[in-house]
Amino acid sequence: QVQIVESGGGLVQTGGSLRLTCAGSGSSFSAYTMGWYRQAPGSRREFVASIADSGEISYRDSVKGRFTVSRDNAKNTLYLQMNNLKPEDTAVYSCTAKRNFLSYWGQGTQVTVSS
C-alpha cells in the first residue's frame, strides 16, 4: 500500500523558517515527479514546488529565492526548506508523487506564519 506522510509543519513568526518532510512508502518514488502544493482557507490548492526524476526543479514565483525543494531517493523522501516565511504562506502543505497517470497525495501538514 502506497503511503505519503508529511511532517514538519507548525507555527512560526514572520521571517522564520521551517523544513517540511514528505516520506513515501510502499513504492519507490525515484521515477516520480514529486512536489508540494498548498491550500489556504477559502482558497484553491496551488502549486508550490516540484522536482522531477531528472532533477528539474520548478517553483511558483512567490516562493522563488525563499523556498528550496530537494529529494533523497535513497530515503524515498522529499523536502521543502522554507525561509523568510510570510503570513501569506499560511496553508496546509501537501506532498504529491506523480508519474504518467498515477498520482499519490499525503494528508498535509499545517504551516501557520504569524505577523
PDB file of N, CA and C in Angstrom:
ATOM      1  N   GLN A   1       0.848  -1.194   0.000  1.00  0.00           N
ATOM      2  CA  GLN A   1       0.000   0.000   0.000  1.00  0.00           C
ATOM      3  C   GLN A   1       0.887   1.248   0.000  1.00  0.00           C
ATOM      4  N   VAL A   2       0.660   2.108  -0.974  1.00  0.00           N
ATOM      5  CA  VAL A   2       1.452   3.327  -1.077  1.00  0.00           C
ATOM      6  C   VAL A   2       0.965   4.351  -0.061  1.00  0.00           C
ATOM      7  N   GLN A   3       1.901   4.937   0.650  1.00  0.00           N
ATOM      8  CA  GLN A   3       1.566   5.986   1.613  1.00  0.00           C
ATOM      9  C   GLN A   3       2.550   7.142   1.477  1.00  0.00           C
ATOM     10  N   ILE A   4       2.015   8.331   1.660  1.00  0.00           N
ATOM     11  CA  ILE A   4       2.827   9.545   1.689  1.00  0.00           C
ATOM     12  C   ILE A   4       2.452  10.296   2.951  1.00  0.00           C
ATOM     13  N   VAL A   5       3.449  10.618   3.755  1.00  0.00           N
ATOM     14  CA  VAL A   5       3.195  11.278   5.033  1.00  0.00           C
ATOM     15  C   VAL A   5       4.075  12.515   5.142  1.00  0.00           C
ATOM     16  N   GLU A   6       3.423  13.648   5.364  1.00  0.00           N
ATOM     17  CA  GLU A   6       4.146  14.904   5.539  1.00  0.00           C
ATOM     18  C   GLU A   6       4.357  15.196   7.025  1.00  0.00           C
ATOM     19  N   SER A   7       5.411  15.916   7.307  1.00  0.00           N
ATOM     20  CA  SER A   7       5.682  16.362   8.665  1.00  0.00           C
ATOM     21  C   SER A   7       6.505  17.638   8.616  1.00  0.00           C
ATOM     22  N   GLY A   8       6.613  18.278   9.771  1.00  0.00           N
ATOM     23  CA  GLY A   8       7.457  19.467   9.861  1.00  0.00           C
ATOM     24  C   GLY A   8       6.723  20.782   9.898  1.00  0.00           C
ATOM     25  N   GLY A   9       5.415  20.741   9.764  1.00  0.00           N
ATOM     26  CA  GLY A   9       4.660  21.989   9.835  1.00  0.00           C
ATOM     27  C   GLY A   9       4.618  22.523  11.257  1.00  0.00           C
ATOM     28  N   GLY A  10       4.084  23.728  11.388  1.00  0.00           N
ATOM     29  CA  GLY A  10       3.979  24.330  12.711  1.00  0.00           C
ATOM     30  C   GLY A  10       3.687  25.797  12.641  1.00  0.00           C
ATOM     31  N   LEU A  11       3.838  26.441  13.782  1.00  0.00           N
ATOM     32  CA  LEU A  11       3.608  27.882  13.908  1.00  0.00           C
ATOM     33  C   LEU A  11       4.955  28.587  13.973  1.00  0.00           C
ATOM     34  N   VAL A  12       5.117  29.601  13.147  1.00  0.00           N
ATOM     35  CA  VAL A  12       6.376  30.331  13.110  1.00  0.00           C
ATOM     36  C   VAL A  12       6.081  31.805  12.881  1.00  0.00           C
ATOM     37  N   GLN A  13       6.961  32.659  13.343  1.00  0.00           N
ATOM     38  CA  GLN A  13       6.778  34.089  13.138  1.00  0.00           C
ATOM     39  C   GLN A  13       7.248  34.491  11.749  1.00  0.00           C
ATOM     40  N   THR A  14       6.783  35.622  11.300  1.00  0.00           N
ATOM     41  CA  THR A  14       7.237  36.182  10.024  1.00  0.00           C
ATOM     42  C   THR A  14       8.761  36.273  10.002  1.00  0.00           C
ATOM     43  N   GLY A  15       9.335  35.796   8.902  1.00  0.00           N
ATOM     44  CA  GLY A  15      10.781  35.772   8.774  1.00  0.00           C
ATOM     45  C   GLY A  15      11.428  34.487   9.234  1.00  0.00           C
ATOM     46  N   GLY A  16      10.652  33.627   9.852  1.00  0.00           N
ATOM     47  CA  GLY A  16      11.167  32.365  10.351  1.00  0.00           C
ATOM     48  C   GLY A  16      11.302  31.311   9.267  1.00  0.00           C
ATOM     49  N   SER A  17      11.736  30.132   9.693  1.00  0.00           N
ATOM     50  CA  SER A  17      11.980  29.030   8.761  1.00  0.00           C
ATOM     51  C   SER A  17      11.333  27.743   9.256  1.00  0.00           C
ATOM     52  N   LEU A  18      10.980  26.913   8.311  1.00  0.00           N
ATOM     53  CA  LEU A  18      10.504  25.563   8.590  1.00  0.00           C
ATOM     54  C   LEU A  18      11.031  24.641   7.508  1.00  0.00           C
ATOM     55  N   ARG A  19      11.176  23.374   7.866  1.00  0.00           N
ATOM     56  CA  ARG A  19      11.555  22.372   6.876  1.00  0.00           C
ATOM     57  C   ARG A  19      10.507  21.279   6.870  1.00  0.00           C
ATOM     58  N   LEU A  20       9.834  21.128   5.760  1.00  0.00           N
ATOM     59  CA  LEU A  20       8.828  20.089   5.610  1.00  0.00           C
ATOM     60  C   LEU A  20       9.478  18.833   5.040  1.00  0.00           C
ATOM     61  N   THR A  21       8.978  17.698   5.500  1.00  0.00           N
ATOM     62  CA  THR A  21       9.458  16.409   5.026  1.00  0.00           C
ATOM     63  C   THR A  21       8.286  15.585   4.529  1.00  0.00           C
ATOM     64  N   CYS A  22       8.505  14.893   3.430  1.00  0.00           N
ATOM     65  CA  CYS A  22       7.487  14.017   2.851  1.00  0.00           C
ATOM     66  C   CYS A  22       8.113  12.635   2.709  1.00  0.00           C
ATOM     67  N   ALA A  23       7.608  11.687   3.462  1.00  0.00           N
ATOM     68  CA  ALA A  23       8.158  10.338   3.447  1.00  0.00           C
ATOM     69  C   ALA A  23       7.220   9.402   2.705  1.00  0.00           C
ATOM     70  N   GLY A  24       7.743   8.710   1.729  1.00  0.00           N
ATOM     71  CA  GLY A  24       6.952   7.779   0.953  1.00  0.00           C
ATOM     72  C   GLY A  24       7.257   6.342   1.334  1.00  0.00           C
ATOM     73  N   SER A  25       6.250   5.494   1.217  1.00  0.00           N
ATOM     74  CA  SER A  25       6.435   4.065   1.494  1.00  0.00           C
ATOM     75  C   SER A  25       5.517   3.268   0.587  1.00  0.00           C
ATOM     76  N   GLY A  26       5.844   2.002   0.426  1.00  0.00           N
ATOM     77  CA  GLY A  26       5.022   1.128  -0.391  1.00  0.00           C
ATOM     78  C   GLY A  26       5.403   1.112  -1.854  1.00  0.00           C
ATOM     79  N   SER A  27       6.291   2.021  -2.244  1.00  0.00           N
ATOM     80  CA  SER A  27       6.760   2.078  -3.621  1.00  0.00           C
ATOM     81  C   SER A  27       8.002   2.956  -3.660  1.00  0.00           C
ATOM     82  N   SER A  28       8.838   2.735  -4.664  1.00  0.00           N
ATOM     83  CA  SER A  28       9.963   3.632  -4.875  1.00  0.00           C
ATOM     84  C   SER A  28       9.498   4.805  -5.716  1.00  0.00           C
ATOM     85  N   PHE A  29       9.787   6.018  -5.248  1.00  0.00           N
ATOM     86  CA  PHE A  29       9.357   7.220  -5.955  1.00  0.00           C
ATOM     87  C   PHE A  29      10.466   7.856  -6.777  1.00  0.00           C
ATOM     88  N   SER A  30      11.558   7.111  -6.964  1.00  0.00           N
ATOM     89  CA  SER A  30      12.690   7.694  -7.675  1.00  0.00           C
ATOM     90  C   SER A  30      12.344   8.071  -9.114  1.00  0.00           C
ATOM     91  N   ALA A  31      11.369   7.411  -9.725  1.00  0.00           N
ATOM     92  CA  ALA A  31      10.990   7.705 -11.103  1.00  0.00           C
ATOM     93  C   ALA A  31       9.794   8.651 -11.187  1.00  0.00           C
ATOM     94  N   TYR A  32       9.367   9.173 -10.061  1.00  0.00           N
ATOM     95  CA  TYR A  32       8.217  10.065  -9.999  1.00  0.00           C
ATOM     96  C   TYR A  32       8.659  11.526  -9.929  1.00  0.00           C
ATOM     97  N   THR A  33       7.807  12.391 -10.430  1.00  0.00           N
ATOM     98  CA  THR A  33       7.935  13.811 -10.128  1.00  0.00           C
ATOM     99  C   THR A  33       7.260  14.027  -8.789  1.00  0.00           C
ATOM    100  N   MET A  34       8.001  14.625  -7.873  1.00  0.00           N
ATOM    101  CA  MET A  34       7.437  14.869  -6.546  1.00  0.00           C
ATOM    102  C   MET A  34       7.323  16.370  -6.328  1.00  0.00           C
ATOM    103  N   GLY A  35       6.291  16.735  -5.598  1.00  0.00           N
ATOM    104  CA  GLY A  35       6.076  18.159  -5.442  1.00  0.00           C
ATOM    105  C   GLY A  35       5.290  18.520  -4.206  1.00  0.00           C
ATOM    106  N   TRP A  36       5.203  19.804  -3.991  1.00  0.00           N
ATOM    107  CA  TRP A  36       4.458  20.379  -2.873  1.00  0.00           C
ATOM    108  C   TRP A  36       3.371  21.302  -3.414  1.00  0.00           C
ATOM    109  N   TYR A  37       2.206  21.186  -2.827  1.00  0.00           N
ATOM    110  CA  TYR A  37       1.090  22.081  -3.085  1.00  0.00           C
ATOM    111  C   TYR A  37       0.623  22.629  -1.737  1.00  0.00           C
ATOM    112  N   ARG A  38      -0.124  23.712  -1.785  1.00  0.00           N
ATOM    113  CA  ARG A  38      -0.669  24.251  -0.544  1.00  0.00           C
ATOM    114  C   ARG A  38      -2.070  24.783  -0.775  1.00  0.00           C
ATOM    115  N   GLN A  39      -2.831  24.805   0.313  1.00  0.00           N
ATOM    116  CA  GLN A  39      -4.193  25.324   0.242  1.00  0.00           C
ATOM    117  C   GLN A  39      -4.480  26.122   1.495  1.00  0.00           C
ATOM    118  N   ALA A  40      -4.745  27.394   1.298  1.00  0.00           N
ATOM    119  CA  ALA A  40      -5.123  28.267   2.400  1.00  0.00           C
ATOM    120  C   ALA A  40      -6.637  28.239   2.566  1.00  0.00           C
ATOM    121  N   PRO A  41      -7.134  28.571   3.744  1.00  0.00           N
ATOM    122  CA  PRO A  41      -8.581  28.570   3.971  1.00  0.00           C
ATOM    123  C   PRO A  41      -9.296  29.450   2.958  1.00  0.00           C
ATOM    124  N   GLY A  42     -10.344  28.906   2.342  1.00  0.00           N
ATOM    125  CA  GLY A  42     -11.116  29.664   1.382  1.00  0.00           C
ATOM    126  C   GLY A  42     -10.476  29.847   0.023  1.00  0.00           C
ATOM    127  N   SER A  43      -9.337  29.207  -0.168  1.00  0.00           N
ATOM    128  CA  SER A  43      -8.621  29.350  -1.435  1.00  0.00           C
ATOM    129  C   SER A  43      -8.473  28.001  -2.120  1.00  0.00           C
ATOM    130  N   ARG A  44      -8.135  28.051  -3.393  1.00  0.00           N
ATOM    131  CA  ARG A  44      -7.906  26.826  -4.132  1.00  0.00           C
ATOM    132  C   ARG A  44      -6.488  26.321  -3.865  1.00  0.00           C
ATOM    133  N   ARG A  45      -6.317  25.033  -4.049  1.00  0.00           N
ATOM    134  CA  ARG A  45      -4.993  24.463  -3.892  1.00  0.00           C
ATOM    135  C   ARG A  45      -4.082  25.020  -4.987  1.00  0.00           C
ATOM    136  N   GLU A  46      -2.848  25.349  -4.604  1.00  0.00           N
ATOM    137  CA  GLU A  46      -1.923  25.912  -5.572  1.00  0.00           C
ATOM    138  C   GLU A  46      -0.581  25.209  -5.525  1.00  0.00           C
ATOM    139  N   PHE A  47       0.062  25.192  -6.666  1.00  0.00           N
ATOM    140  CA  PHE A  47       1.381  24.594  -6.803  1.00  0.00           C
ATOM    141  C   PHE A  47       2.412  25.434  -6.058  1.00  0.00           C
ATOM    142  N   VAL A  48       3.344  24.750  -5.390  1.00  0.00           N
ATOM    143  CA  VAL A  48       4.415  25.452  -4.693  1.00  0.00           C
ATOM    144  C   VAL A  48       5.766  25.156  -5.332  1.00  0.00           C
ATOM    145  N   ALA A  49       6.103  23.878  -5.442  1.00  0.00           N
ATOM    146  CA  ALA A  49       7.405  23.499  -5.985  1.00  0.00           C
ATOM    147  C   ALA A  49       7.374  22.035  -6.390  1.00  0.00           C
ATOM    148  N   SER A  50       8.240  21.693  -7.329  1.00  0.00           N
ATOM    149  CA  SER A  50       8.337  20.293  -7.731  1.00  0.00           C
ATOM    150  C   SER A  50       9.758  19.978  -8.159  1.00  0.00           C
ATOM    151  N   ILE A  51      10.073  18.686  -8.116  1.00  0.00           N
ATOM    152  CA  ILE A  51      11.368  18.210  -8.589  1.00  0.00           C
ATOM    153  C   ILE A  51      11.124  16.895  -9.321  1.00  0.00           C
ATOM    154  N   ALA A  52      11.516  16.891 -10.589  1.00  0.00           N
ATOM    155  CA  ALA A  52      11.291  15.724 -11.423  1.00  0.00           C
ATOM    156  C   ALA A  52      12.345  14.651 -11.148  1.00  0.00           C
ATOM    157  N   ASP A  53      12.123  13.479 -11.698  1.00  0.00           N
ATOM    158  CA  ASP A  53      13.101  12.402 -11.538  1.00  0.00           C
ATOM    159  C   ASP A  53      14.419  12.777 -12.217  1.00  0.00           C
ATOM    160  N   SER A  54      14.336  13.679 -13.188  1.00  0.00           N
ATOM    161  CA  SER A  54      15.542  14.161 -13.869  1.00  0.00           C
ATOM    162  C   SER A  54      16.319  15.167 -13.027  1.00  0.00           C
ATOM    163  N   GLY A  55      15.666  15.670 -11.983  1.00  0.00           N
ATOM    164  CA  GLY A  55      16.268  16.700 -11.147  1.00  0.00           C
ATOM    165  C   GLY A  55      15.804  18.100 -11.498  1.00  0.00           C
ATOM    166  N   GLU A  56      15.009  18.225 -12.565  1.00  0.00           N
ATOM    167  CA  GLU A  56      14.492  19.539 -12.950  1.00  0.00           C
ATOM    168  C   GLU A  56      13.568  20.069 -11.861  1.00  0.00           C
ATOM    169  N   ILE A  57      13.764  21.319 -11.490  1.00  0.00           N
ATOM    170  CA  ILE A  57      13.032  21.930 -10.377  1.00  0.00           C
ATOM    171  C   ILE A  57      12.196  23.105 -10.870  1.00  0.00           C
ATOM    172  N   SER A  58      11.002  23.225 -10.296  1.00  0.00           N
ATOM    173  CA  SER A  58      10.119  24.349 -10.593  1.00  0.00           C
ATOM    174  C   SER A  58       9.573  24.922  -9.303  1.00  0.00           C
ATOM    175  N   TYR A  59       9.363  26.249  -9.306  1.00  0.00           N
ATOM    176  CA  TYR A  59       8.777  26.944  -8.155  1.00  0.00           C
ATOM    177  C   TYR A  59       7.708  27.906  -8.633  1.00  0.00           C
ATOM    178  N   ARG A  60       6.726  28.163  -7.771  1.00  0.00           N
ATOM    179  CA  ARG A  60       5.824  29.255  -8.057  1.00  0.00           C
ATOM    180  C   ARG A  60       6.593  30.547  -7.780  1.00  0.00           C
ATOM    181  N   ASP A  61       6.259  31.591  -8.483  1.00  0.00           N
ATOM    182  CA  ASP A  61       7.038  32.824  -8.420  1.00  0.00           C
ATOM    183  C   ASP A  61       7.156  33.383  -7.005  1.00  0.00           C
ATOM    184  N   SER A  62       6.088  33.308  -6.241  1.00  0.00           N
ATOM    185  CA  SER A  62       6.079  33.960  -4.928  1.00  0.00           C
ATOM    186  C   SER A  62       7.003  33.302  -3.911  1.00  0.00           C
ATOM    187  N   VAL A  63       7.504  32.114  -4.197  1.00  0.00           N
ATOM    188  CA  VAL A  63       8.388  31.445  -3.238  1.00  0.00           C
ATOM    189  C   VAL A  63       9.827  31.360  -3.729  1.00  0.00           C
ATOM    190  N   LYS A  64      10.058  31.772  -4.957  1.00  0.00           N
ATOM    191  CA  LYS A  64      11.421  31.722  -5.508  1.00  0.00           C
ATOM    192  C   LYS A  64      12.372  32.550  -4.647  1.00  0.00           C
ATOM    193  N   GLY A  65      13.531  31.971  -4.348  1.00  0.00           N
ATOM    194  CA  GLY A  65      14.511  32.662  -3.518  1.00  0.00           C
ATOM    195  C   GLY A  65      14.299  32.451  -2.033  1.00  0.00           C
ATOM    196  N   ARG A  66      13.150  31.913  -1.649  1.00  0.00           N
ATOM    197  CA  ARG A  66      12.861  31.662  -0.224  1.00  0.00           C
ATOM    198  C   ARG A  66      12.718  30.179   0.087  1.00  0.00           C
ATOM    199  N   PHE A  67      12.154  29.427  -0.848  1.00  0.00           N
ATOM    200  CA  PHE A  67      11.923  28.000  -0.643  1.00  0.00           C
ATOM    201  C   PHE A  67      12.902  27.190  -1.481  1.00  0.00           C
ATOM    202  N   THR A  68      13.293  26.029  -0.957  1.00  0.00           N
ATOM    203  CA  THR A  68      14.162  25.116  -1.686  1.00  0.00           C
ATOM    204  C   THR A  68      13.604  23.704  -1.573  1.00  0.00           C
ATOM    205  N   VAL A  69      13.349  23.104  -2.730  1.00  0.00           N
ATOM    206  CA  VAL A  69      12.854  21.732  -2.759  1.00  0.00           C
ATOM    207  C   VAL A  69      14.018  20.796  -3.069  1.00  0.00           C
ATOM    208  N   SER A  70      14.018  19.640  -2.417  1.00  0.00           N
ATOM    209  CA  SER A  70      15.061  18.648  -2.661  1.00  0.00           C
ATOM    210  C   SER A  70      14.494  17.262  -2.386  1.00  0.00           C
ATOM    211  N   ARG A  71      15.208  16.268  -2.867  1.00  0.00           N
ATOM    212  CA  ARG A  71      14.746  14.904  -2.662  1.00  0.00           C
ATOM    213  C   ARG A  71      15.929  14.000  -2.369  1.00  0.00           C
ATOM    214  N   ASP A  72      15.637  12.936  -1.635  1.00  0.00           N
ATOM    215  CA  ASP A  72      16.620  11.904  -1.348  1.00  0.00           C
ATOM    216  C   ASP A  72      15.997  10.582  -1.774  1.00  0.00           C
ATOM    217  N   ASN A  73      16.338  10.127  -2.950  1.00  0.00           N
ATOM    218  CA  ASN A  73      15.707   8.919  -3.479  1.00  0.00           C
ATOM    219  C   ASN A  73      16.046   7.688  -2.652  1.00  0.00           C
ATOM    220  N   ALA A  74      17.212   7.663  -2.076  1.00  0.00           N
ATOM    221  CA  ALA A  74      17.593   6.509  -1.246  1.00  0.00           C
ATOM    222  C   ALA A  74      16.674   6.375  -0.036  1.00  0.00           C
ATOM    223  N   LYS A  75      16.189   7.520   0.439  1.00  0.00           N
ATOM    224  CA  LYS A  75      15.284   7.518   1.594  1.00  0.00           C
ATOM    225  C   LYS A  75      13.828   7.663   1.186  1.00  0.00           C
ATOM    226  N   ASN A  76      13.579   7.759  -0.125  1.00  0.00           N
ATOM    227  CA  ASN A  76      12.202   7.930  -0.603  1.00  0.00           C
ATOM    228  C   ASN A  76      11.556   9.150   0.045  1.00  0.00           C
ATOM    229  N   THR A  77      12.308  10.229   0.100  1.00  0.00           N
ATOM    230  CA  THR A  77      11.874  11.398   0.863  1.00  0.00           C
ATOM    231  C   THR A  77      12.036  12.677   0.055  1.00  0.00           C
ATOM    232  N   LEU A  78      11.084  13.563   0.253  1.00  0.00           N
ATOM    233  CA  LEU A  78      11.084  14.884  -0.378  1.00  0.00           C
ATOM    234  C   LEU A  78      11.121  15.929   0.726  1.00  0.00           C
ATOM    235  N   TYR A  79      11.809  17.020   0.477  1.00  0.00           N
ATOM    236  CA  TYR A  79      11.930  18.084   1.471  1.00  0.00           C
ATOM    237  C   TYR A  79      11.516  19.423   0.876  1.00  0.00           C
ATOM    238  N   LEU A  80      11.099  20.313   1.760  1.00  0.00           N
ATOM    239  CA  LEU A  80      10.866  21.692   1.361  1.00  0.00           C
ATOM    240  C   LEU A  80      11.409  22.585   2.471  1.00  0.00           C
ATOM    241  N   GLN A  81      12.520  23.228   2.200  1.00  0.00           N
ATOM    242  CA  GLN A  81      13.090  24.186   3.137  1.00  0.00           C
ATOM    243  C   GLN A  81      12.461  25.542   2.854  1.00  0.00           C
ATOM    244  N   MET A  82      11.813  26.093   3.856  1.00  0.00           N
ATOM    245  CA  MET A  82      11.110  27.361   3.695  1.00  0.00           C
ATOM    246  C   MET A  82      11.748  28.407   4.599  1.00  0.00           C
ATOM    247  N   ASN A  83      12.301  29.426   3.999  1.00  0.00           N
ATOM    248  CA  ASN A  83      12.945  30.512   4.740  1.00  0.00           C
ATOM    249  C   ASN A  83      12.192  31.816   4.511  1.00  0.00           C
ATOM    250  N   ASN A  84      12.438  32.773   5.402  1.00  0.00           N
ATOM    251  CA  ASN A  84      11.805  34.089   5.281  1.00  0.00           C
ATOM    252  C   ASN A  84      10.296  33.955   5.062  1.00  0.00           C
ATOM    253  N   LEU A  85       9.680  33.181   5.913  1.00  0.00           N
ATOM    254  CA  LEU A  85       8.247  32.917   5.762  1.00  0.00           C
ATOM    255  C   LEU A  85       7.415  34.166   5.985  1.00  0.00           C
ATOM    256  N   LYS A  86       6.313  34.240   5.258  1.00  0.00           N
ATOM    257  CA  LYS A  86       5.401  35.375   5.314  1.00  0.00           C
ATOM    258  C   LYS A  86       4.004  34.893   5.699  1.00  0.00           C
ATOM    259  N   PRO A  87       3.197  35.773   6.251  1.00  0.00           N
ATOM    260  CA  PRO A  87       1.832  35.353   6.619  1.00  0.00           C
ATOM    261  C   PRO A  87       1.060  34.744   5.443  1.00  0.00           C
ATOM    262  N   GLU A  88       1.323  35.198   4.239  1.00  0.00           N
ATOM    263  CA  GLU A  88       0.604  34.656   3.078  1.00  0.00           C
ATOM    264  C   GLU A  88       1.062  33.242   2.721  1.00  0.00           C
ATOM    265  N   ASP A  89       2.080  32.728   3.393  1.00  0.00           N
ATOM    266  CA  ASP A  89       2.484  31.337   3.210  1.00  0.00           C
ATOM    267  C   ASP A  89       1.653  30.390   4.073  1.00  0.00           C
ATOM    268  N   THR A  90       0.824  30.934   4.933  1.00  0.00           N
ATOM    269  CA  THR A  90      -0.008  30.104   5.797  1.00  0.00           C
ATOM    270  C   THR A  90      -0.948  29.244   4.968  1.00  0.00           C
ATOM    271  N   ALA A  91      -0.888  27.932   5.190  1.00  0.00           N
ATOM    272  CA  ALA A  91      -1.695  26.991   4.415  1.00  0.00           C
ATOM    273  C   ALA A  91      -1.426  25.572   4.908  1.00  0.00           C
ATOM    274  N   VAL A  92      -2.219  24.663   4.411  1.00  0.00           N
ATOM    275  CA  VAL A  92      -1.915  23.236   4.563  1.00  0.00           C
ATOM    276  C   VAL A  92      -1.064  22.842   3.367  1.00  0.00           C
ATOM    277  N   TYR A  93       0.108  22.300   3.649  1.00  0.00           N
ATOM    278  CA  TYR A  93       1.038  21.906   2.597  1.00  0.00           C
ATOM    279  C   TYR A  93       0.943  20.392   2.397  1.00  0.00           C
ATOM    280  N   SER A  94       0.745  20.006   1.135  1.00  0.00           N
ATOM    281  CA  SER A  94       0.594  18.593   0.803  1.00  0.00           C
ATOM    282  C   SER A  94       1.668  18.170  -0.189  1.00  0.00           C
ATOM    283  N   CYS A  95       2.081  16.939  -0.028  1.00  0.00           N
ATOM    284  CA  CYS A  95       3.102  16.358  -0.891  1.00  0.00           C
ATOM    285  C   CYS A  95       2.426  15.456  -1.915  1.00  0.00           C
ATOM    286  N   THR A  96       2.981  15.420  -3.110  1.00  0.00           N
ATOM    287  CA  THR A  96       2.438  14.558  -4.135  1.00  0.00           C
ATOM    288  C   THR A  96       3.557  13.877  -4.907  1.00  0.00           C
ATOM    289  N   ALA A  97       3.272  12.679  -5.379  1.00  0.00           N
ATOM    290  CA  ALA A  97       4.181  11.939  -6.248  1.00  0.00           C
ATOM    291  C   ALA A  97       3.392  11.568  -7.502  1.00  0.00           C
ATOM    292  N   LYS A  98       3.906  11.952  -8.662  1.00  0.00           N
ATOM    293  CA  LYS A  98       3.180  11.742  -9.908  1.00  0.00           C
ATOM    294  C   LYS A  98       4.067  11.065 -10.948  1.00  0.00           C
ATOM    295  N   ARG A  99       3.443  10.146 -11.673  1.00  0.00           N
ATOM    296  CA  ARG A  99       4.136   9.507 -12.779  1.00  0.00           C
ATOM    297  C   ARG A  99       3.086   9.036 -13.762  1.00  0.00           C
ATOM    298  N   ASN A 100       3.157   9.532 -14.986  1.00  0.00           N
ATOM    299  CA  ASN A 100       2.168   9.211 -16.003  1.00  0.00           C
ATOM    300  C   ASN A 100       0.766   9.493 -15.442  1.00  0.00           C
ATOM    301  N   PHE A 101      -0.079   8.444 -15.350  1.00  0.00           N
ATOM    302  CA  PHE A 101      -1.446   8.669 -14.894  1.00  0.00           C
ATOM    303  C   PHE A 101      -1.617   8.383 -13.404  1.00  0.00           C
ATOM    304  N   LEU A 102      -0.522   8.078 -12.737  1.00  0.00           N
ATOM    305  CA  LEU A 102      -0.579   7.800 -11.309  1.00  0.00           C
ATOM    306  C   LEU A 102      -0.260   9.056 -10.510  1.00  0.00           C
ATOM    307  N   SER A 103      -0.985   9.245  -9.443  1.00  0.00           N
ATOM    308  CA  SER A 103      -0.646  10.329  -8.522  1.00  0.00           C
ATOM    309  C   SER A 103      -1.038   9.920  -7.116  1.00  0.00           C
ATOM    310  N   TYR A 104      -0.169  10.232  -6.188  1.00  0.00           N
ATOM    311  CA  TYR A 104      -0.400   9.936  -4.782  1.00  0.00           C
ATOM    312  C   TYR A 104      -0.266  11.227  -3.992  1.00  0.00           C
ATOM    313  N   TRP A 105      -1.116  11.359  -2.981  1.00  0.00           N
ATOM    314  CA  TRP A 105      -1.132  12.563  -2.164  1.00  0.00           C
ATOM    315  C   TRP A 105      -1.069  12.193  -0.683  1.00  0.00           C
ATOM    316  N   GLY A 106      -0.412  13.066   0.074  1.00  0.00           N
ATOM    317  CA  GLY A 106      -0.425  12.923   1.519  1.00  0.00           C
ATOM    318  C   GLY A 106      -1.591  13.699   2.110  1.00  0.00           C
ATOM    319  N   GLN A 107      -1.725  13.617   3.424  1.00  0.00           N
ATOM    320  CA  GLN A 107      -2.825  14.292   4.118  1.00  0.00           C
ATOM    321  C   GLN A 107      -2.540  15.775   4.344  1.00  0.00           C
ATOM    322  N   GLY A 108      -1.287  16.133   4.342  1.00  0.00           N
ATOM    323  CA  GLY A 108      -0.925  17.532   4.511  1.00  0.00           C
ATOM    324  C   GLY A 108      -0.437  17.857   5.913  1.00  0.00           C
ATOM    325  N   THR A 109       0.273  18.964   5.996  1.00  0.00           N
ATOM    326  CA  THR A 109       0.758  19.462   7.284  1.00  0.00           C
ATOM    327  C   THR A 109       0.511  20.969   7.323  1.00  0.00           C
ATOM    328  N   GLN A 110       0.050  21.447   8.461  1.00  0.00           N
ATOM    329  CA  GLN A 110      -0.323  22.847   8.591  1.00  0.00           C
ATOM    330  C   GLN A 110       0.895  23.718   8.846  1.00  0.00           C
ATOM    331  N   VAL A 111       0.992  24.779   8.086  1.00  0.00           N
ATOM    332  CA  VAL A 111       2.007  25.809   8.300  1.00  0.00           C
ATOM    333  C   VAL A 111       1.283  27.114   8.597  1.00  0.00           C
ATOM    334  N   THR A 112       1.603  27.701   9.730  1.00  0.00           N
ATOM    335  CA  THR A 112       0.990  28.969  10.110  1.00  0.00           C
ATOM    336  C   THR A 112       2.081  29.983  10.402  1.00  0.00           C
ATOM    337  N   VAL A 113       2.012  31.108   9.715  1.00  0.00           N
ATOM    338  CA  VAL A 113       3.006  32.167   9.891  1.00  0.00           C
ATOM    339  C   VAL A 113       2.301  33.369  10.514  1.00  0.00           C
ATOM    340  N   SER A 114       2.740  33.723  11.713  1.00  0.00           N
ATOM    341  CA  SER A 114       2.123  34.849  12.415  1.00  0.00           C
ATOM    342  C   SER A 114       2.842  36.147  12.070  1.00  0.00           C
ATOM    343  N   SER A 115       2.054  37.212  12.035  1.00  0.00           N
ATOM    344  CA  SER A 115       2.625  38.524  11.689  1.00  0.00           C
ATOM    345  C   SER A 115       3.084  39.269  12.927  1.00  0.00           C
TER     346      SER A 115
END
